[in-house]
Amino acid sequence: MATTGGLSARIINILDNMPISGATAKLTGPVNQTVLTDDEGKIKFSNLAAGNNYSLVVTADGFEPGIYEDIVVIDDNVTDLNILALQPDED
């Protein structure tokens, strides 16, 4: 029987620690999902195949993309990546 887990994180601006709402978080791996951050910068993915590696790319207007790799999802658990900080564009 297939086992599943979840993934969560909070996306912030590295300069002022403020949450980034409306950022796009794209998870790729055995299961592909895309979500937007909420007003608090939070994201959550569910029903992910456990025991596998995933990659996460977070993009937001005015910021450099954040790329996170080799994320392992644990069975019957939500893996919390805690805080992921994005660097503002230099333009």
C-alpha atoms as a PDB file:
ATOM      1  CA  MET A   1       0.000   0.000   0.000  1.00  0.00           C
ATOM      2  CA  ALA A   2       1.308   3.433  -0.935  1.00  0.00           C
ATOM      3  CA  THR A   3       2.152   5.730   1.941  1.00  0.00           C
ATOM      4  CA  THR A   4       1.791   9.494   1.930  1.00  0.00           C
ATOM      5  CA  GLY A   5       2.964  12.531   3.828  1.00  0.00           C
ATOM      6  CA  GLY A   6       2.988  16.297   3.512  1.00  0.00           C
ATOM      7  CA  LEU A   7       5.265  19.289   3.327  1.00  0.00           C
ATOM      8  CA  SER A   8       4.982  22.800   4.757  1.00  0.00           C
ATOM      9  CA  ALA A   9       7.074  25.972   4.900  1.00  0.00           C
ATOM     10  CA  ARG A  10       6.911  29.739   5.376  1.00  0.00           C
ATOM     11  CA  ILE A  11       8.335  32.012   2.679  1.00  0.00           C
ATOM     12  CA  ILE A  12       9.831  35.353   3.787  1.00  0.00           C
ATOM     13  CA  ASN A  13      11.842  38.310   2.457  1.00  0.00           C
ATOM     14  CA  ILE A  14      15.449  37.761   3.576  1.00  0.00           C
ATOM     15  CA  LEU A  15      15.971  41.515   4.152  1.00  0.00           C
ATOM     16  CA  ASP A  16      13.092  42.287   6.505  1.00  0.00           C
ATOM     17  CA  ASN A  17      11.741  38.838   7.518  1.00  0.00           C
ATOM     18  CA  MET A  18       8.275  39.802   6.250  1.00  0.00           C
ATOM     19  CA  PRO A  19       6.111  37.058   4.727  1.00  0.00           C
ATOM     20  CA  ILE A  20       5.743  36.937   0.948  1.00  0.00           C
ATOM     21  CA  SER A  21       2.114  36.362   0.008  1.00  0.00           C
ATOM     22  CA  GLY A  22       1.079  35.223  -3.456  1.00  0.00           C
ATOM     23  CA  ALA A  23       4.413  33.520  -4.217  1.00  0.00           C
ATOM     24  CA  THR A  24       4.231  30.409  -6.407  1.00  0.00           C
ATOM     25  CA  ALA A  25       5.650  27.218  -4.910  1.00  0.00           C
ATOM     26  CA  LYS A  26       6.124  24.382  -7.398  1.00  0.00           C
ATOM     27  CA  LEU A  27       6.937  20.939  -6.016  1.00  0.00           C
ATOM     28  CA  THR A  28       8.295  18.289  -8.390  1.00  0.00           C
ATOM     29  CA  GLY A  29       9.027  14.626  -7.811  1.00  0.00           C
ATOM     30  CA  PRO A  30       6.876  11.494  -7.791  1.00  0.00           C
ATOM     31  CA  VAL A  31       3.918  13.884  -7.279  1.00  0.00           C
ATOM     32  CA  ASN A  32       3.848  17.363  -8.827  1.00  0.00           C
ATOM     33  CA  GLN A  33       1.877  20.144  -7.139  1.00  0.00           C
ATOM     34  CA  THR A  34       1.768  23.941  -7.298  1.00  0.00           C
ATOM     35  CA  VAL A  35       0.380  26.201  -4.568  1.00  0.00           C
ATOM     36  CA  LEU A  36       0.411  29.910  -3.708  1.00  0.00           C
ATOM     37  CA  THR A  37       1.584  31.278  -0.384  1.00  0.00           C
ATOM     38  CA  ASP A  38      -1.115  32.673   1.887  1.00  0.00           C
ATOM     39  CA  ASP A  39      -1.090  36.090   3.607  1.00  0.00           C
ATOM     40  CA  GLU A  40       1.390  34.738   6.178  1.00  0.00           C
ATOM     41  CA  GLY A  41       3.703  33.349   3.480  1.00  0.00           C
ATOM     42  CA  LYS A  42       2.759  29.773   4.332  1.00  0.00           C
ATOM     43  CA  ILE A  43       2.550  26.842   1.939  1.00  0.00           C
ATOM     44  CA  LYS A  44       1.353  23.292   2.451  1.00  0.00           C
ATOM     45  CA  PHE A  45       1.409  20.256   0.191  1.00  0.00           C
ATOM     46  CA  SER A  46      -0.453  17.044   1.013  1.00  0.00           C
ATOM     47  CA  ASN A  47      -0.927  13.514  -0.325  1.00  0.00           C
ATOM     48  CA  LEU A  48       2.722  13.229  -1.376  1.00  0.00           C
ATOM     49  CA  ALA A  49       4.308   9.828  -1.940  1.00  0.00           C
ATOM     50  CA  ALA A  50       6.479   9.222   1.132  1.00  0.00           C
ATOM     51  CA  GLY A  51      10.100   8.111   1.102  1.00  0.00           C
ATOM     52  CA  ASN A  52      10.927   9.985  -2.068  1.00  0.00           C
ATOM     53  CA  ASN A  53      12.986  13.034  -2.953  1.00  0.00           C
ATOM     54  CA  TYR A  54      11.263  16.211  -4.108  1.00  0.00           C
ATOM     55  CA  SER A  55      12.447  19.572  -5.397  1.00  0.00           C
ATOM     56  CA  LEU A  56      10.769  22.886  -4.587  1.00  0.00           C
ATOM     57  CA  VAL A  57      11.045  26.100  -6.595  1.00  0.00           C
ATOM     58  CA  VAL A  58       9.538  29.258  -5.100  1.00  0.00           C
ATOM     59  CA  THR A  59       9.056  32.329  -7.295  1.00  0.00           C
ATOM     60  CA  ALA A  60       7.610  35.760  -6.533  1.00  0.00           C
ATOM     61  CA  ASP A  61       7.556  39.071  -8.373  1.00  0.00           C
ATOM     62  CA  GLY A  62      10.551  41.173  -7.357  1.00  0.00           C
ATOM     63  CA  PHE A  63      12.533  38.245  -5.901  1.00  0.00           C
ATOM     64  CA  GLU A  64      15.184  35.802  -7.057  1.00  0.00           C
ATOM     65  CA  PRO A  65      13.812  32.234  -7.282  1.00  0.00           C
ATOM     66  CA  GLY A  66      14.406  29.964  -4.309  1.00  0.00           C
ATOM     67  CA  ILE A  67      15.448  26.417  -5.245  1.00  0.00           C
ATOM     68  CA  TYR A  68      15.412  23.644  -2.645  1.00  0.00           C
ATOM     69  CA  GLU A  69      16.353  20.070  -3.530  1.00  0.00           C
ATOM     70  CA  ASP A  70      16.513  16.585  -2.000  1.00  0.00           C
ATOM     71  CA  ILE A  71      13.473  17.110   0.233  1.00  0.00           C
ATOM     72  CA  VAL A  72      12.337  13.804   1.733  1.00  0.00           C
ATOM     73  CA  VAL A  73       8.677  13.291   2.652  1.00  0.00           C
ATOM     74  CA  ILE A  74       8.047  11.025   5.637  1.00  0.00           C
ATOM     75  CA  ASP A  75       5.078   8.636   5.891  1.00  0.00           C
ATOM     76  CA  ASP A  76       2.098   9.958   7.903  1.00  0.00           C
ATOM     77  CA  ASN A  77       3.983  13.135   8.752  1.00  0.00           C
ATOM     78  CA  VAL A  78       4.174  16.738   7.561  1.00  0.00           C
ATOM     79  CA  THR A  79       7.808  17.650   6.868  1.00  0.00           C
ATOM     80  CA  ASP A  80       8.227  21.273   7.973  1.00  0.00           C
ATOM     81  CA  LEU A  81      10.953  23.098   6.065  1.00  0.00           C
ATOM     82  CA  ASN A  82      10.508  25.980   8.522  1.00  0.00           C
ATOM     83  CA  ILE A  83      11.418  29.345   7.001  1.00  0.00           C
ATOM     84  CA  LEU A  84      12.651  29.729   3.430  1.00  0.00           C
ATOM     85  CA  ALA A  85      13.984  33.207   2.609  1.00  0.00           C
ATOM     86  CA  LEU A  86      13.962  34.790  -0.828  1.00  0.00           C
ATOM     87  CA  GLN A  87      16.439  37.464  -1.934  1.00  0.00           C
ATOM     88  CA  PRO A  88      14.919  40.556  -3.622  1.00  0.00           C
ATOM     89  CA  ASP A  89      15.902  41.163  -7.252  1.00  0.00           C
ATOM     90  CA  GLU A  90      18.740  43.620  -7.705  1.00  0.00           C
ATOM     91  CA  ASP A  91      16.893  45.577 -10.421  1.00  0.00           C
END
